[in-house]
Protein backbone atom coordinates (compact mmCIF):
# COMPACT_ATOMS: atom_id res chain seq x y z
CA GLU A 1 21.61 41.69 -3.74
CA ASN A 2 22.99 37.94 -2.96
CA GLY A 3 19.28 36.48 -3.05
CA VAL A 4 20.31 35.29 0.38
CA GLU A 5 20.49 37.96 3.44
CA LEU A 6 16.87 39.40 4.17
CA ARG A 7 16.37 42.15 7.06
CA ILE A 8 12.97 41.95 9.23
CA VAL A 9 12.01 44.59 11.91
CA CYS A 10 9.62 42.68 14.21
CA VAL A 11 8.93 41.49 17.41
CA HIS A 12 10.33 37.80 17.32
CA THR A 13 10.91 35.20 20.05
CA ASP A 14 12.91 31.48 19.76
CA LEU A 15 11.28 28.85 18.10
CA LYS A 16 9.39 27.52 21.17
CA GLY A 17 7.96 30.97 21.91
CA ASN A 18 10.17 32.61 24.59
CA ASP A 19 12.88 34.84 24.82
CA ARG A 20 10.90 37.95 23.24
CA LYS A 21 12.87 40.56 21.58
CA GLY A 22 12.41 43.34 19.39
CA TRP A 23 15.28 44.22 17.44
CA THR A 24 16.14 43.73 13.53
CA LEU A 25 16.65 40.18 12.49
CA GLN A 26 19.29 39.75 9.85
CA GLY A 27 19.53 36.34 8.20
CA THR A 28 17.86 33.65 5.65
CA GLN A 29 15.61 30.56 5.18
CA LYS A 30 18.32 29.08 3.17
CA ARG A 31 19.91 25.99 4.81
CA THR A 32 23.47 26.32 3.03
CA LYS A 33 23.49 29.81 4.21
CA CYS A 34 23.08 29.29 7.75
CA ILE A 35 25.89 30.00 10.36
CA GLY A 36 26.87 26.81 11.52
CA HIS A 37 24.90 24.95 9.32
CA ARG A 38 27.38 21.74 8.74
CA THR A 39 27.98 21.53 12.86
CA SER A 40 26.79 18.52 14.28
CA ASP A 41 24.61 20.67 16.74
CA PHE A 42 22.65 22.35 14.22
CA LYS A 43 18.98 21.75 13.71
CA TRP A 44 16.52 22.64 10.94
CA PRO A 45 13.07 23.60 12.00
CA ARG A 46 10.83 20.86 10.79
CA GLN A 47 7.92 23.32 10.26
CA LEU A 48 9.80 24.66 6.94
CA ASN A 49 9.45 21.13 5.51
CA ARG A 50 5.21 21.47 5.91
CA GLU A 51 3.12 23.21 3.51
CA ARG A 52 2.70 26.60 4.57
CA VAL A 53 0.43 29.69 4.00
CA TYR A 54 2.13 33.05 3.23
CA ASN A 55 -1.33 35.14 3.50
CA GLN A 56 -2.99 34.77 6.80
CA THR A 57 -1.85 37.08 9.74
CA ASN A 58 -1.29 34.14 12.13
CA SER A 59 1.23 32.41 9.43
CA ASP A 60 4.35 32.06 11.99
CA ILE A 61 7.61 33.23 9.80
CA LEU A 62 11.04 31.18 10.63
CA VAL A 63 14.41 33.40 10.18
CA HIS A 64 17.93 32.17 10.75
CA ASN A 65 19.63 35.10 12.42
CA ASN A 66 22.97 35.22 11.43
CA VAL A 67 24.24 37.93 13.68
CA HIS A 68 27.81 36.20 15.03
CA GLY A 69 27.49 35.61 18.85
CA GLU A 70 23.37 35.69 18.38
CA SER A 71 22.58 33.33 15.71
CA GLY A 72 20.11 30.84 16.00
CA TRP A 73 16.64 30.44 14.84
CA ARG A 74 13.82 33.17 15.33
CA LYS A 75 10.26 33.07 14.95
CA THR A 76 7.78 35.99 14.14
CA LYS A 77 4.62 36.74 12.52
CA TYR A 78 2.99 38.85 9.82
CA SER A 79 1.16 41.01 12.33
CA ALA A 80 4.32 41.61 14.78
CA ILE A 81 6.57 42.88 11.52
CA GLN A 82 6.72 46.41 11.79
CA GLU A 83 9.50 46.97 8.24
CA VAL A 84 10.90 44.42 5.40
CA PRO A 85 13.36 46.15 3.60
CA PHE A 86 14.95 43.37 1.16
CA TRP A 87 11.25 41.19 1.29
CA GLY A 88 11.15 41.36 -2.46
CA ILE A 89 14.37 40.29 -3.08
CA PHE A 90 13.40 37.49 -0.58
CA LEU A 91 10.34 36.18 -2.68
CA GLN A 92 12.25 36.42 -5.79
CA PHE A 93 14.95 34.00 -4.65
CA TRP A 94 12.72 31.96 -2.45
CA GLU A 95 11.19 30.61 -5.85
CA ASP A 96 14.52 29.32 -7.25
CA ASP A 97 15.28 27.61 -3.48
CA ASN A 98 15.13 24.11 -3.42
CA SER A 99 15.61 24.05 0.18
CA LEU A 100 13.15 26.42 0.93
CA SER A 101 9.98 25.02 -1.01
CA ASP A 102 9.98 21.52 0.37
CA GLY A 103 6.83 20.29 1.03
CA ILE A 104 5.12 23.19 -1.55
CA SER A 105 2.47 21.62 -3.55
CA SER A 106 1.29 25.20 -4.72
CA VAL A 107 1.88 28.99 -3.38
CA SER A 108 0.89 32.21 -4.53
CA VAL A 109 3.12 35.23 -4.59
CA GLY A 110 1.17 38.03 -5.90
CA GLN A 111 -0.34 36.51 -9.14
CA GLU A 112 1.92 33.58 -9.63
CA ALA A 113 2.17 30.31 -8.48
CA ILE A 114 5.24 28.77 -7.50
CA LYS A 115 5.21 24.99 -9.36
CA PRO A 116 6.63 21.93 -7.56
CA SER A 117 9.67 20.70 -8.65
CA GLN A 118 9.97 17.16 -10.48
CA TYR A 119 12.66 14.80 -10.67
CA GLU A 120 14.47 15.18 -14.20
CA PRO A 121 16.96 12.54 -15.21
CA THR A 122 20.34 13.61 -15.09
CA GLY A 123 22.52 10.88 -16.44
CA GLY A 124 24.31 9.97 -13.28
CA LEU A 125 23.44 9.00 -9.80
CA PRO A 126 21.76 12.42 -8.01
CA ASP A 127 23.46 13.48 -4.88
CA CYS A 128 22.31 13.90 -1.42
CA LYS A 129 20.53 17.10 -0.77
CA GLU A 130 21.91 17.08 2.60
CA CYS A 131 26.02 16.70 2.28
CA ASP A 132 26.49 15.66 -1.61
CA SER A 133 27.35 12.78 -1.40
CA PRO A 134 26.33 9.95 -3.71
CA ALA A 135 22.69 9.30 -3.09
CA ARG A 136 21.14 5.75 -1.12
CA PHE A 137 18.03 6.74 -0.90
CA CYS A 138 15.11 8.78 -2.55
CA ALA A 139 12.29 10.26 -0.71
CA LEU A 140 8.53 11.19 -1.75
CA ASP A 141 8.58 14.26 0.06
CA ASN A 142 4.90 15.62 -0.64
CA ALA A 143 4.95 16.75 -4.44
CA ARG A 144 8.89 16.80 -4.08
CA THR A 145 11.37 13.92 -4.58
CA GLU A 146 14.78 14.16 -2.82
CA PHE A 147 17.77 12.17 -2.41
CA TYR A 148 20.18 11.44 0.43
CA CYS A 149 22.98 9.66 1.06
CA SER A 150 21.88 7.53 4.49
CA LYS A 151 19.11 7.40 6.64
CA SER A 152 20.68 9.90 9.35
CA CYS A 153 20.86 12.67 6.50
CA MET A 154 17.33 11.98 5.49
CA ASN A 155 16.09 11.99 8.98
CA GLU A 156 17.88 15.48 10.00
CA PHE A 157 16.42 17.08 7.40
CA LEU A 158 12.98 15.83 6.93
CA ASP A 159 10.03 16.71 9.57
CA GLU A 160 9.82 14.43 12.49
CA GLU A 161 6.30 14.43 12.80
CA ILE A 162 5.87 13.51 8.43
CA ASP A 163 6.70 10.03 7.46
CA PRO A 164 7.25 10.37 3.77
CA PRO A 165 7.36 7.45 1.65
CA PHE A 166 11.03 6.25 0.72
CA PHE A 167 13.16 3.56 -0.74
CA ASP A 168 16.03 2.45 -1.28
CA LEU A 169 17.88 2.46 -4.63
CA HIS A 170 20.12 -0.48 -3.75
CA ALA A 171 17.32 -2.90 -3.14
CA GLU A 172 15.56 -5.11 -5.43
CA THR A 173 11.95 -3.86 -4.53
CA LEU A 174 10.64 -0.75 -5.01
CA GLU A 175 8.19 -0.23 -1.92
CA ILE A 176 5.84 2.55 -1.51
CA LYS A 177 3.56 2.67 1.24
CA ALA A 178 0.58 5.31 1.69
CA PRO A 179 -2.18 4.26 4.52
CA GLU A 180 -4.44 6.35 5.90
CA GLU A 181 -1.87 7.79 8.83
CA CYS A 182 0.46 8.88 6.24
CA THR A 183 1.06 12.63 6.70
CA ILE A 184 1.88 13.42 3.07
CA ASN A 185 -0.40 15.27 0.75
CA VAL A 186 1.16 14.25 -2.67
CA ILE A 187 2.23 10.25 -3.42
CA ASN A 188 4.49 11.24 -6.58
CA LEU A 189 4.38 7.93 -8.03
CA ASP A 190 5.60 9.14 -11.83
CA ASP A 191 8.85 10.57 -10.19
CA ALA A 192 9.13 6.78 -8.37
CA PHE A 193 9.03 4.87 -11.50
CA ARG A 194 11.51 7.49 -13.22
CA VAL A 195 14.06 7.28 -10.32
CA ALA A 196 13.62 3.44 -10.16
CA GLY A 197 13.69 2.52 -13.75
CA ASP A 198 16.93 5.05 -13.89
CA HIS A 199 18.78 3.94 -10.79
CA MET A 200 17.81 0.98 -8.94
CA PRO A 201 19.97 -1.65 -10.76
CA ASN A 202 18.75 -4.43 -8.81
CA LEU A 203 15.08 -3.97 -9.16
CA ASN A 204 13.05 -7.12 -9.72
CA SER A 205 9.84 -6.06 -7.96
CA VAL A 206 7.22 -3.88 -7.04
CA ASP A 207 5.56 -3.26 -4.23
CA ILE A 208 2.68 -0.41 -4.22
CA GLU A 209 -0.60 0.15 -1.53
CA VAL A 210 -2.11 3.34 -1.70
CA CYS A 211 -5.10 4.08 0.62
CA GLN A 212 -8.34 5.91 -0.96
CA GLU A 213 -8.04 9.20 0.53
CA TYR A 214 -5.16 10.06 -2.24
CA PHE A 215 -7.57 8.98 -5.06
CA LEU A 216 -10.78 10.26 -4.38
CA LYS A 217 -11.56 13.90 -4.52
CA GLU A 218 -14.02 14.13 -1.81
CA ASN A 219 -13.16 11.74 0.87
CA LEU A 220 -14.02 11.24 4.78
CA ASN A 221 -11.67 13.76 6.62
CA ASN A 222 -11.72 16.36 3.12
CA SER A 223 -7.75 16.10 3.55
CA LYS A 224 -6.41 17.49 0.31
CA ARG A 225 -4.44 14.71 -0.93
CA SER A 226 -3.26 13.46 -4.55
CA VAL A 227 -1.83 11.07 -6.69
CA MET A 228 0.73 11.78 -9.29
CA LEU A 229 0.34 9.23 -12.10
CA THR A 230 0.49 9.33 -15.76
CA PRO A 231 -0.08 6.67 -18.10
CA ALA A 232 3.00 7.34 -20.07
CA VAL A 233 5.35 7.30 -17.52
CA LEU A 234 3.90 4.04 -15.95
CA ASN A 235 3.67 2.33 -19.35
CA GLN A 236 7.77 3.24 -20.18
CA PHE A 237 8.68 2.07 -16.64
CA LEU A 238 7.21 -1.30 -17.03
CA GLU A 239 8.75 -1.52 -20.78
CA LYS A 240 12.10 -0.64 -19.21
CA VAL A 241 12.11 -3.04 -16.62
CA LYS A 242 9.99 -6.01 -18.37
CA TYR A 243 12.77 -8.49 -18.51
CA ARG A 244 13.74 -7.65 -14.92
CA LEU A 245 10.46 -7.72 -12.97
CA ILE A 246 8.95 -10.88 -11.37
CA SER A 247 6.62 -9.37 -8.94
CA PHE A 248 4.21 -6.46 -9.58
CA VAL A 249 1.84 -5.67 -6.38
CA PHE A 250 -0.50 -2.35 -6.87
CA GLY A 251 -2.87 -2.33 -3.98
CA LEU A 252 -5.57 0.16 -3.81
CA HIS A 253 -8.84 0.67 -1.67
CA ASP A 254 -12.56 0.70 -2.21
CA CYS A 255 -13.76 2.90 -4.41
CA CYS A 256 -10.80 3.98 -7.24
CA TRP A 257 -12.00 1.92 -9.73
CA GLU A 258 -12.71 5.20 -11.78
CA GLU A 259 -9.49 7.44 -10.65
CA ILE A 260 -7.18 4.23 -11.63
CA LYS A 261 -8.75 4.08 -15.07
CA ARG A 262 -8.21 7.99 -15.55
CA MET A 263 -4.67 7.40 -14.74
CA THR A 264 -3.72 4.96 -16.43
CA ASP A 265 -5.32 5.29 -20.07
CA ARG A 266 -8.03 2.71 -18.90
CA CYS A 267 -5.82 0.44 -17.42
CA ARG A 268 -4.07 -0.27 -21.13
CA SER A 269 -0.61 1.25 -19.39
CA LEU A 270 -0.30 -1.88 -17.61
CA ILE A 271 -0.31 -4.39 -21.00
CA PRO A 272 3.90 -4.60 -20.84
CA LEU A 273 2.94 -6.82 -17.97
CA GLY A 274 1.33 -9.69 -19.89
CA SER A 275 4.69 -10.45 -22.06
CA MET A 276 7.64 -10.33 -19.30
CA PRO A 277 9.02 -13.77 -19.55
CA HIS A 278 10.15 -13.47 -15.61
CA ILE A 279 7.12 -12.47 -13.81
CA LYS A 280 5.58 -14.40 -11.04
CA LYS A 281 3.46 -12.74 -9.01
CA LEU A 282 0.51 -10.07 -10.38
CA GLU A 283 -1.31 -8.24 -7.65
CA LEU A 284 -4.06 -5.76 -8.70
CA THR A 285 -6.81 -5.11 -6.48
CA HIS A 286 -9.59 -2.67 -6.35
CA PHE A 287 -8.58 -2.10 -10.15
CA GLY A 288 -11.28 -0.84 -12.96
CA PHE A 289 -10.84 -2.11 -16.72
CA ASP A 290 -13.13 -1.16 -19.51
CA ASP A 291 -12.64 -4.17 -21.61
CA VAL A 292 -12.37 -7.92 -20.67
CA ALA A 293 -9.25 -7.73 -23.77
CA THR A 294 -7.29 -4.91 -21.53
CA LEU A 295 -7.24 -7.42 -18.64
CA LYS A 296 -6.39 -10.68 -20.01
CA SER A 297 -3.75 -8.64 -22.32
CA CYS A 298 -1.85 -8.28 -18.33
CA LEU A 299 -1.81 -11.66 -17.92
CA SER A 300 1.37 -13.94 -18.27
CA THR A 301 1.29 -17.52 -18.45
CA SER A 302 4.85 -17.59 -16.54
CA LEU A 303 2.55 -16.37 -13.17
CA GLN A 304 2.67 -18.53 -10.54
CA CYS A 305 0.43 -16.04 -8.09
CA LEU A 306 -2.08 -14.16 -8.99
CA ASN A 307 -4.84 -11.57 -6.77
CA LEU A 308 -7.30 -9.89 -8.46
CA ASP A 309 -9.62 -9.17 -5.55
CA HIS A 310 -12.65 -6.85 -6.23
CA VAL A 311 -11.85 -5.69 -9.78
CA LYS A 312 -15.06 -4.11 -11.29
CA MET A 313 -15.44 -4.15 -15.31
CA GLY A 314 -17.12 -1.48 -17.45
CA ARG A 315 -18.34 1.90 -16.72
CA GLN A 316 -21.47 0.40 -14.67
CA LEU A 317 -18.81 -1.84 -12.56
CA ASN A 318 -20.44 -5.56 -13.02
CA TRP A 319 -19.48 -8.59 -15.13
CA SER A 320 -21.40 -9.54 -17.68
CA PRO A 321 -21.73 -13.63 -18.00
CA ALA A 322 -19.74 -13.41 -21.11
CA GLU A 323 -17.49 -11.09 -20.08
CA SER A 324 -17.02 -13.56 -16.55
CA THR A 325 -16.71 -16.72 -18.87
CA ASP A 326 -14.20 -14.77 -21.13
CA VAL A 327 -11.67 -13.91 -18.17
CA VAL A 328 -11.70 -17.64 -16.89
CA VAL A 329 -10.81 -19.35 -20.13
CA LYS A 330 -7.73 -16.74 -19.75
CA LEU A 331 -7.11 -17.74 -16.31
CA CYS A 332 -6.90 -21.59 -17.36
CA GLN A 333 -4.11 -20.72 -19.35
CA LEU A 334 -1.94 -20.27 -16.25
CA THR A 335 -1.70 -23.26 -15.61
CA ARG A 336 1.71 -22.50 -13.22
CA LEU A 337 -0.74 -20.82 -10.69
CA VAL A 338 -0.09 -21.71 -7.13
CA SER A 339 -1.84 -18.92 -5.56
CA LEU A 340 -5.09 -17.25 -7.13
CA SER A 341 -7.09 -14.62 -5.31
CA ILE A 342 -10.23 -13.53 -7.11
CA SER A 343 -12.82 -12.01 -4.13
CA ASP A 344 -15.47 -10.47 -5.41
CA SER A 345 -14.89 -10.69 -8.89
CA PHE A 346 -15.77 -11.92 -12.44
CA ALA A 347 -19.36 -12.88 -11.11
CA LEU A 348 -17.69 -16.03 -10.39
CA ASN A 349 -19.92 -19.25 -10.02
CA ASP A 350 -19.81 -22.94 -10.19
CA GLU A 351 -19.37 -23.46 -14.26
CA HIS A 352 -16.61 -21.12 -13.73
CA LEU A 353 -14.78 -23.57 -11.34
CA CYS A 354 -15.62 -26.64 -13.10
CA MET A 355 -13.77 -25.10 -16.53
CA LEU A 356 -10.53 -23.06 -14.18
CA LEU A 357 -9.82 -25.79 -11.72
CA PRO A 358 -9.12 -28.93 -13.68
CA ASN A 359 -6.40 -26.73 -15.06
CA LEU A 360 -4.56 -25.36 -12.52
CA CYS A 361 -3.14 -28.59 -10.90
CA ASN A 362 -0.38 -26.85 -8.75
CA ILE A 363 -2.93 -24.69 -6.50
CA LYS A 364 -2.36 -24.59 -3.34
CA CYS A 365 -4.08 -21.67 -2.36
CA LEU A 366 -7.52 -20.37 -3.40
CA VAL A 367 -9.47 -16.97 -2.54
CA ILE A 368 -13.41 -17.29 -3.76
CA ASP A 369 -14.63 -15.06 -1.36
CA GLY A 370 -17.80 -13.58 -2.56
CA PRO A 371 -19.46 -10.27 -2.11
CA PHE A 372 -19.64 -8.59 1.23
CA SER A 373 -22.75 -6.89 0.77
CA THR A 374 -25.86 -8.90 -1.25
CA MET A 375 -26.89 -5.56 -2.40
CA HIS A 376 -23.40 -5.86 -4.75
CA GLY A 377 -24.60 -9.29 -6.32
CA GLU A 378 -25.69 -12.33 -4.93
CA SER A 379 -23.31 -15.54 -3.77
CA GLN A 380 -22.78 -17.82 -7.04
CA VAL A 381 -20.41 -20.33 -5.77
CA THR A 382 -22.58 -23.17 -3.91
CA ASP A 383 -21.94 -26.54 -2.36
CA VAL A 384 -21.30 -27.79 -6.46
CA GLY A 385 -18.16 -25.71 -6.62
CA MET A 386 -17.25 -26.56 -3.37
CA HIS A 387 -17.46 -30.34 -4.47
CA VAL A 388 -15.35 -29.44 -7.49
CA ILE A 389 -12.51 -27.53 -5.23
CA ALA A 390 -12.58 -31.15 -3.40
CA LYS A 391 -12.20 -33.24 -6.33
CA HIS A 392 -9.84 -31.21 -8.28
CA CYS A 393 -7.35 -29.86 -5.61
CA PRO A 394 -6.93 -32.72 -3.28
CA GLY A 395 -3.30 -30.73 -2.46
CA ILE A 396 -4.96 -27.31 -1.49
CA LEU A 397 -3.50 -26.04 2.06
CA SER A 398 -5.66 -22.24 2.01
CA LEU A 399 -8.72 -22.04 1.09
CA SER A 400 -11.04 -18.90 1.31
CA ALA A 401 -14.74 -18.95 0.77
CA ASN A 402 -16.32 -15.90 2.97
CA PHE A 403 -19.27 -14.81 1.40
CA GLN A 404 -20.44 -17.58 -0.30
CA ARG A 405 -24.13 -17.71 1.01
CA ASP A 406 -25.45 -20.43 -0.76
CA VAL A 407 -22.58 -23.05 0.25
CA THR A 408 -23.73 -25.71 3.10
CA VAL A 409 -21.89 -28.29 5.36
CA ASN A 410 -22.28 -30.55 2.70
CA GLY A 411 -20.11 -28.61 0.54
CA VAL A 412 -17.75 -27.84 3.33
CA ARG A 413 -17.83 -31.39 4.72
CA SER A 414 -16.77 -31.93 0.55
CA VAL A 415 -13.50 -30.51 1.27
CA ILE A 416 -12.49 -31.20 4.66
CA ARG A 417 -13.08 -34.75 3.46
CA ARG A 418 -11.01 -35.11 0.65
CA CYS A 419 -8.62 -31.96 0.90
CA HIS A 420 -6.25 -34.20 3.40
CA HIS A 421 -3.29 -31.43 3.38
CA ILE A 422 -5.43 -28.37 4.32
CA VAL A 423 -4.16 -25.84 6.95
CA GLU A 424 -6.50 -22.82 6.83
CA LEU A 425 -9.99 -22.96 6.04
CA GLU A 426 -12.46 -19.56 5.85
CA ILE A 427 -15.93 -19.88 5.93
CA GLY A 428 -17.29 -16.55 7.02
CA GLU A 429 -20.92 -15.76 6.59
CA ILE A 430 -21.98 -19.08 4.67
CA ASN A 431 -25.42 -21.46 5.21
CA ILE A 432 -24.20 -23.75 8.14
CA ASN A 433 -25.09 -23.94 12.06
CA LEU A 434 -21.35 -23.73 13.35
CA GLN A 435 -22.43 -24.81 16.67
CA GLN A 436 -23.78 -28.07 15.47
CA HIS A 437 -20.99 -28.84 13.32
CA LEU A 438 -18.33 -26.97 14.51
CA ARG A 439 -16.03 -29.81 15.93
CA GLU A 440 -16.43 -31.98 12.84
CA ILE A 441 -15.13 -29.02 10.87
CA VAL A 442 -12.00 -28.66 13.44
CA THR A 443 -11.35 -32.60 14.42
CA THR A 444 -11.71 -34.00 10.35
CA PRO A 445 -9.07 -32.50 8.73
CA LYS A 446 -5.84 -33.46 10.64
CA LYS A 447 -3.19 -30.99 9.50
CA LEU A 448 -5.66 -27.96 10.23
CA ARG A 449 -4.13 -25.29 11.83
CA VAL A 450 -6.40 -22.10 11.72
CA LEU A 451 -10.52 -21.46 10.93
CA CYS A 452 -12.22 -18.49 10.06
CA CYS A 453 -15.74 -18.81 10.72
CA GLY A 454 -18.78 -16.37 10.92
CA LYS A 455 -21.32 -16.20 13.59
CA PHE A 456 -21.85 -17.87 16.53
CA GLY A 457 -25.20 -18.35 18.51
CA GLU A 458 -25.41 -18.66 22.23
CA GLN A 459 -22.76 -20.00 24.42
CA SER A 460 -20.14 -19.38 22.05
CA GLU A 461 -16.81 -19.94 23.79
CA ARG A 462 -18.00 -23.02 25.39
CA CYS A 463 -18.45 -24.16 21.83
CA ILE A 464 -15.12 -23.15 20.56
CA GLN A 465 -13.51 -24.77 23.88
CA GLN A 466 -14.43 -27.94 23.14
CA ALA A 467 -14.19 -28.04 19.67
CA VAL A 468 -10.32 -26.32 19.92
CA ILE A 469 -9.90 -29.45 23.14
CA ALA A 470 -11.02 -31.57 20.54
CA SER A 471 -8.10 -31.00 18.40
CA LYS A 472 -5.72 -30.97 21.35
CA GLY A 473 -5.56 -27.06 20.87
CA ARG A 474 -3.87 -27.75 17.18
CA VAL A 475 -6.32 -25.31 15.59
CA VAL A 476 -6.79 -21.57 16.16
CA VAL A 477 -10.44 -20.65 15.84
CA CYS A 478 -11.04 -17.13 14.62
CA THR A 479 -14.49 -15.04 14.09
CA MET A 480 -15.02 -12.36 11.34
CA SER A 481 -16.50 -10.25 14.26
CA GLY A 482 -14.07 -10.84 17.61
CA GLY A 483 -10.69 -12.13 15.65
CA ARG A 484 -9.50 -15.03 17.46
CA ALA A 485 -11.32 -16.57 20.08
CA ASP A 486 -8.68 -16.82 23.41
CA VAL A 487 -10.67 -19.91 25.20
CA PRO A 488 -9.32 -21.56 28.44
CA LEU A 489 -6.75 -24.56 27.48
CA SER A 490 -4.56 -26.79 29.27
CA PRO A 491 -0.92 -26.01 29.32
CA ALA A 492 -0.28 -28.75 26.60
CA HIS A 493 -3.15 -27.48 24.49
CA LYS A 494 -1.99 -24.20 24.88
CA ARG A 495 1.68 -24.85 23.65
CA ASN A 496 -0.33 -26.36 20.57
CA GLN A 497 -2.23 -23.45 20.16
CA ASP A 498 0.50 -21.11 20.25
CA GLN A 499 2.45 -23.29 18.20
CA SER A 500 0.08 -23.00 15.50
CA MET A 501 -0.68 -19.31 15.70
CA ASP A 502 2.94 -18.97 15.14
CA LYS A 503 2.77 -20.74 11.82
CA VAL A 504 -0.37 -18.44 10.82
CA GLU A 505 1.26 -15.56 11.83
CA ARG A 506 4.85 -16.39 9.70
CA ALA A 507 2.29 -17.31 6.51
CA HIS A 508 0.25 -14.21 6.69
CA LYS A 509 3.76 -12.01 6.72
CA GLN A 510 4.66 -14.25 3.79
CA ARG A 511 1.79 -13.73 2.06
CA PHE A 512 3.00 -9.90 1.69
CA ASP A 513 6.03 -10.18 0.63
CA PRO A 514 6.55 -9.56 -2.83
CA LEU A 515 8.58 -12.17 -3.60
CA VAL A 516 6.88 -15.10 -2.08
CA CYS A 517 4.44 -16.92 -4.34
CA GLN A 518 2.88 -19.39 -1.76
CA LYS A 519 2.75 -17.80 2.01
CA TRP A 520 3.02 -21.32 3.49
CA GLU A 521 6.32 -22.21 1.67
CA GLY A 522 9.21 -23.05 4.08
CA ILE A 523 6.63 -22.67 6.92
CA LEU A 524 5.11 -26.44 7.05
């Protein structure tokens, strides 16, 4: 009658499948009603946090036996159940029991589907699900959003095989990472934005990266993953934090252009970004826009770091010459930029660089990679564009021009001879004979620390070794296919190589810091 106790006449075992018995189970699946649930040795079965199927005969059923002296978790199956006197009562209270519906996106009970519970603002700081203390962490556990006071409370309750994205309500950054190996089925970005807007008083940056499997209906692993994101929630969040945000990073993977447009009202819900007075860093990678006006409206003149890699335009996902020029004209107004990354975007060409770079006097890091495959468009930056970089960006530290297949050694020479401070150069898959020119490229710029290049012919190791030795070990050479080239060096040269590699790794780490606009800052 209290909606908690349930009795099952069945054959059951402990959670490991041992201690087989045939007597009646009298217990509960509600955490707060389990005998001893507040003791230090109480264990919550992680299986209860996972998505469960209730209409298969091989499904496990877990019940906490509440008989004194014999209490503990027991496991049975549908096929082993003989009688369930109070099963109807159990189903009735299960729907309203937050502790039982963890991880359930939708479950059928008869003809009715139980909908996942969503975060609803209460006005005050939510309490910890485990101990009722004021919450410190928010976890996006499948379609549910739960609050915990500490990592110990959170780790005690969550599945040890599931690592849900969670964030610290006291932190400055709302960070949500969902890579391919993430085991959560539903990433509820709506709840993340609602909670951050209501309960993160120190918030000044957003750092989100979600792999393509959460966006695409048909994915390689056939997994039933999804993202919960609606235009109104995103827009309201950005309006709420307009005067606090200094960084907004939202990274997607390939092929998500149409999906992100659908979830963001064709990206119009991002428009508040363009009127944020303090925003310094903006990254929108693999986004799709329907029109240039919307993209331009997202770009604030206060930006110091901008990453628009692999941005596509229109239903055909292609840029017209007029659209490309229109965006470049807008970029010319962003005179505070120190870092700009526009890989495989805007159909960038030499003329665009001639328009843009004279206005970016402070640029230190520039990425203008072409399309990976010529099937997606031809490279349009040539030696002329490289000469423009050399002329207008003499203080540049990092330049990446991978897949610009019309660039030759002449364009590279122009950069390495005039950009005396360059420490990082990427020229993979360009039109150059590396075996003939590698030593020149490595030794000419005296501050170069890392060179990333493309294919070598035969005797590549010897060619790389001679070039690295000529730089006294200062330059780390990497290939696009094999990574860092590990060649024999003297102890002195090896020390120089290790010092350079340490700086490169630190810069790479800073590149992904949402609050860092120039990755070499504080390193050189």
